[in-house]
N, C-alpha and C. Protein backbone atom coordinates (compact mmCIF):
# COMPACT_ATOMS: atom_id res chain seq x y z
N MET A 1 37.01 48.53 -102.11
CA MET A 1 38.36 48.46 -101.63
C MET A 1 39.31 48.94 -102.71
N SER A 2 40.27 49.78 -102.35
CA SER A 2 41.21 50.28 -103.34
C SER A 2 42.39 49.32 -103.48
N ALA A 3 43.31 49.65 -104.39
CA ALA A 3 44.44 48.77 -104.66
C ALA A 3 45.40 48.67 -103.49
N SER A 4 45.48 49.70 -102.67
CA SER A 4 46.43 49.68 -101.55
C SER A 4 45.81 49.07 -100.29
N GLU A 5 44.55 48.62 -100.35
CA GLU A 5 43.90 48.01 -99.20
C GLU A 5 43.97 46.49 -99.30
N ARG A 6 44.03 45.86 -98.14
CA ARG A 6 44.00 44.41 -98.05
C ARG A 6 43.10 44.01 -96.90
N THR A 7 42.64 42.76 -96.93
CA THR A 7 41.86 42.26 -95.81
C THR A 7 42.77 41.42 -94.92
N ALA A 8 42.51 41.45 -93.63
CA ALA A 8 43.35 40.74 -92.67
C ALA A 8 42.49 40.25 -91.52
N ARG A 9 42.99 39.23 -90.83
CA ARG A 9 42.34 38.69 -89.64
C ARG A 9 43.15 39.11 -88.42
N VAL A 10 42.47 39.64 -87.39
CA VAL A 10 43.15 40.11 -86.18
C VAL A 10 43.56 38.90 -85.33
N LEU A 11 44.82 38.87 -84.95
CA LEU A 11 45.39 37.79 -84.14
C LEU A 11 45.49 38.23 -82.68
N PRO A 12 45.67 37.28 -81.76
CA PRO A 12 45.90 37.67 -80.37
C PRO A 12 47.24 38.37 -80.24
N GLY A 13 47.34 39.30 -79.32
CA GLY A 13 48.58 40.03 -79.10
C GLY A 13 48.43 41.48 -79.50
N GLY A 14 49.50 42.22 -79.35
CA GLY A 14 49.46 43.65 -79.62
C GLY A 14 49.27 44.40 -78.31
N SER A 15 49.25 45.70 -78.40
CA SER A 15 49.09 46.52 -77.21
C SER A 15 48.15 47.67 -77.54
N ASP A 16 48.21 48.74 -76.77
CA ASP A 16 47.33 49.87 -76.98
C ASP A 16 47.56 50.49 -78.36
N LYS A 17 46.51 50.63 -79.16
CA LYS A 17 46.53 51.20 -80.51
C LYS A 17 47.34 50.38 -81.51
N THR A 18 47.66 49.14 -81.17
CA THR A 18 48.40 48.25 -82.06
C THR A 18 47.71 46.90 -82.10
N ARG A 19 47.58 46.34 -83.29
CA ARG A 19 47.00 45.01 -83.46
C ARG A 19 47.94 44.16 -84.29
N ARG A 20 48.01 42.86 -83.97
CA ARG A 20 48.71 41.88 -84.80
C ARG A 20 47.69 41.30 -85.76
N VAL A 21 48.01 41.27 -87.05
CA VAL A 21 47.08 40.74 -88.03
C VAL A 21 47.79 39.74 -88.93
N ALA A 22 47.00 38.89 -89.59
CA ALA A 22 47.51 37.93 -90.56
C ALA A 22 46.85 38.22 -91.90
N VAL A 23 47.65 38.43 -92.92
CA VAL A 23 47.17 38.64 -94.28
C VAL A 23 47.46 37.38 -95.07
N GLU A 24 46.41 36.75 -95.62
CA GLU A 24 46.59 35.52 -96.39
C GLU A 24 46.51 35.83 -97.87
N ARG A 25 47.32 35.11 -98.65
CA ARG A 25 47.31 35.26 -100.10
C ARG A 25 47.55 33.89 -100.73
N LEU A 26 47.11 33.73 -101.96
CA LEU A 26 47.32 32.49 -102.68
C LEU A 26 48.45 32.69 -103.68
N VAL A 27 49.43 31.79 -103.66
CA VAL A 27 50.59 31.87 -104.54
C VAL A 27 50.65 30.57 -105.33
N LYS A 28 50.86 30.68 -106.63
CA LYS A 28 50.96 29.50 -107.47
C LYS A 28 52.33 28.86 -107.30
N HIS A 29 52.35 27.56 -107.02
CA HIS A 29 53.62 26.84 -106.86
C HIS A 29 54.35 26.81 -108.20
N PRO A 30 55.65 27.16 -108.22
CA PRO A 30 56.37 27.27 -109.49
C PRO A 30 56.48 25.95 -110.27
N MET A 31 56.57 24.83 -109.56
CA MET A 31 56.75 23.56 -110.26
C MET A 31 55.44 22.82 -110.49
N TYR A 32 54.61 22.74 -109.45
CA TYR A 32 53.41 21.91 -109.53
C TYR A 32 52.17 22.65 -109.97
N GLY A 33 52.19 23.98 -109.92
CA GLY A 33 51.06 24.76 -110.40
C GLY A 33 49.90 24.85 -109.42
N LYS A 34 49.99 24.15 -108.29
CA LYS A 34 48.93 24.21 -107.30
C LYS A 34 49.02 25.53 -106.53
N TYR A 35 47.88 26.08 -106.13
CA TYR A 35 47.88 27.31 -105.36
C TYR A 35 48.09 26.99 -103.89
N VAL A 36 49.05 27.68 -103.28
CA VAL A 36 49.43 27.45 -101.89
C VAL A 36 49.08 28.71 -101.10
N ARG A 37 48.52 28.52 -99.91
CA ARG A 37 48.14 29.64 -99.06
C ARG A 37 49.36 30.11 -98.27
N ARG A 38 49.69 31.39 -98.37
CA ARG A 38 50.81 31.98 -97.63
C ARG A 38 50.26 33.04 -96.68
N THR A 39 50.82 33.10 -95.49
CA THR A 39 50.36 34.04 -94.47
C THR A 39 51.49 34.98 -94.09
N THR A 40 51.18 36.28 -94.02
CA THR A 40 52.12 37.29 -93.56
C THR A 40 51.55 37.92 -92.31
N ARG A 41 52.34 37.93 -91.24
CA ARG A 41 51.91 38.56 -90.00
C ARG A 41 52.55 39.94 -89.88
N MET A 42 51.76 40.91 -89.50
CA MET A 42 52.28 42.28 -89.38
C MET A 42 51.56 43.02 -88.27
N LEU A 43 52.09 44.16 -87.90
CA LEU A 43 51.47 45.03 -86.91
C LEU A 43 50.79 46.19 -87.64
N ILE A 44 49.61 46.56 -87.16
CA ILE A 44 48.88 47.69 -87.75
C ILE A 44 48.53 48.69 -86.66
N HIS A 45 48.23 49.90 -87.08
CA HIS A 45 47.85 50.97 -86.16
C HIS A 45 46.33 51.06 -86.10
N ASP A 46 45.78 50.93 -84.90
CA ASP A 46 44.34 51.02 -84.66
C ASP A 46 44.12 52.16 -83.67
N GLU A 47 43.89 53.35 -84.18
CA GLU A 47 43.85 54.57 -83.37
C GLU A 47 42.81 54.51 -82.25
N ASP A 48 41.61 53.99 -82.54
CA ASP A 48 40.52 54.01 -81.57
C ASP A 48 40.31 52.68 -80.86
N ASN A 49 41.19 51.70 -81.07
CA ASN A 49 41.06 50.36 -80.48
C ASN A 49 39.69 49.75 -80.79
N THR A 50 39.25 49.85 -82.04
CA THR A 50 37.93 49.35 -82.43
C THR A 50 37.93 47.87 -82.78
N SER A 51 39.06 47.32 -83.19
CA SER A 51 39.09 45.91 -83.59
C SER A 51 39.40 45.01 -82.41
N ARG A 52 38.91 43.76 -82.52
CA ARG A 52 39.14 42.76 -81.49
C ARG A 52 39.65 41.48 -82.15
N GLU A 53 40.15 40.57 -81.35
CA GLU A 53 40.69 39.32 -81.86
C GLU A 53 39.64 38.55 -82.66
N GLY A 54 40.02 38.09 -83.84
CA GLY A 54 39.13 37.32 -84.70
C GLY A 54 38.37 38.13 -85.72
N ASP A 55 38.39 39.46 -85.63
CA ASP A 55 37.68 40.32 -86.59
C ASP A 55 38.35 40.27 -87.96
N LEU A 56 37.54 40.43 -89.00
CA LEU A 56 38.06 40.58 -90.36
C LEU A 56 38.05 42.08 -90.65
N ILE A 57 39.22 42.63 -91.00
CA ILE A 57 39.35 44.07 -91.15
C ILE A 57 39.96 44.42 -92.49
N ALA A 58 39.80 45.68 -92.90
CA ALA A 58 40.47 46.22 -94.08
C ALA A 58 41.61 47.11 -93.58
N ILE A 59 42.80 46.93 -94.16
CA ILE A 59 43.96 47.72 -93.77
C ILE A 59 44.53 48.40 -95.01
N ALA A 60 45.21 49.51 -94.79
CA ALA A 60 45.81 50.27 -95.89
C ALA A 60 47.23 50.66 -95.49
N GLU A 61 48.12 50.70 -96.47
CA GLU A 61 49.49 51.09 -96.21
C GLU A 61 49.58 52.61 -96.13
N GLY A 62 50.44 53.09 -95.26
CA GLY A 62 50.62 54.53 -95.09
C GLY A 62 52.03 54.83 -94.64
N ARG A 63 52.23 56.01 -94.13
CA ARG A 63 53.56 56.37 -93.66
C ARG A 63 53.88 55.59 -92.40
N PRO A 64 55.14 55.33 -92.10
CA PRO A 64 55.48 54.56 -90.91
C PRO A 64 55.06 55.27 -89.62
N VAL A 65 54.42 54.53 -88.73
CA VAL A 65 54.02 55.04 -87.43
C VAL A 65 55.10 54.73 -86.41
N SER A 66 55.74 53.58 -86.57
CA SER A 66 56.86 53.18 -85.71
C SER A 66 57.77 52.28 -86.54
N ARG A 67 58.70 51.63 -85.89
CA ARG A 67 59.69 50.83 -86.62
C ARG A 67 59.04 49.68 -87.39
N ARG A 68 58.02 49.05 -86.81
CA ARG A 68 57.39 47.89 -87.45
C ARG A 68 55.97 48.14 -87.93
N LYS A 69 55.41 49.35 -87.71
CA LYS A 69 54.03 49.64 -88.10
C LYS A 69 53.99 50.65 -89.24
N SER A 70 53.53 50.20 -90.41
CA SER A 70 53.31 51.13 -91.51
C SER A 70 51.96 50.88 -92.17
N TRP A 71 51.11 50.08 -91.55
CA TRP A 71 49.76 49.83 -92.02
C TRP A 71 48.80 50.36 -90.97
N ARG A 72 47.58 50.75 -91.42
CA ARG A 72 46.59 51.29 -90.49
C ARG A 72 45.23 50.64 -90.76
N LEU A 73 44.41 50.64 -89.75
CA LEU A 73 43.06 50.09 -89.86
C LEU A 73 42.18 51.06 -90.64
N VAL A 74 41.47 50.56 -91.65
CA VAL A 74 40.53 51.38 -92.41
C VAL A 74 39.12 51.20 -91.85
N ARG A 75 38.67 49.95 -91.75
CA ARG A 75 37.34 49.66 -91.20
C ARG A 75 37.26 48.18 -90.81
N VAL A 76 36.31 47.89 -89.95
CA VAL A 76 36.04 46.51 -89.56
C VAL A 76 35.00 45.96 -90.53
N LEU A 77 35.33 44.88 -91.23
CA LEU A 77 34.42 44.30 -92.20
C LEU A 77 33.43 43.34 -91.55
N ARG A 78 33.93 42.48 -90.65
CA ARG A 78 33.06 41.52 -89.97
C ARG A 78 33.63 41.24 -88.59
N ARG A 79 32.75 41.29 -87.60
CA ARG A 79 33.15 41.02 -86.22
C ARG A 79 33.34 39.53 -86.02
N ALA A 80 34.08 39.15 -85.01
CA ALA A 80 34.34 37.76 -84.69
C ALA A 80 33.05 37.04 -84.30
N ASP A 81 32.09 37.77 -83.72
CA ASP A 81 30.82 37.17 -83.32
C ASP A 81 29.81 37.05 -84.47
N GLY A 82 30.20 37.51 -85.67
CA GLY A 82 29.36 37.38 -86.86
C GLY A 82 28.63 38.62 -87.28
N SER A 83 28.60 39.65 -86.47
CA SER A 83 27.91 40.87 -86.85
C SER A 83 28.75 41.71 -87.80
N THR A 84 28.12 42.58 -88.56
CA THR A 84 28.82 43.48 -89.47
C THR A 84 28.65 44.91 -89.00
N ASP A 85 29.62 45.74 -89.31
CA ASP A 85 29.55 47.17 -88.95
C ASP A 85 29.39 48.03 -90.16
């Protein structure tokens, strides 16, 4: 995975060639020092409609496809049913 790639979980929703995903990251709390999980939801471009709800995917930033889509699907890392591609 390159520096511009991130892993995300596919959420329900979206339409043709569009998927809603959640990107999770750990952020250190400024006062207590404990790591807190933060989630960012975004829309990504899935040209071939290969991903399904619950899949773990790799996404990469690119040029804007629409007003809210500037990330694209790179590959499916793990299917929701447990299989790998």
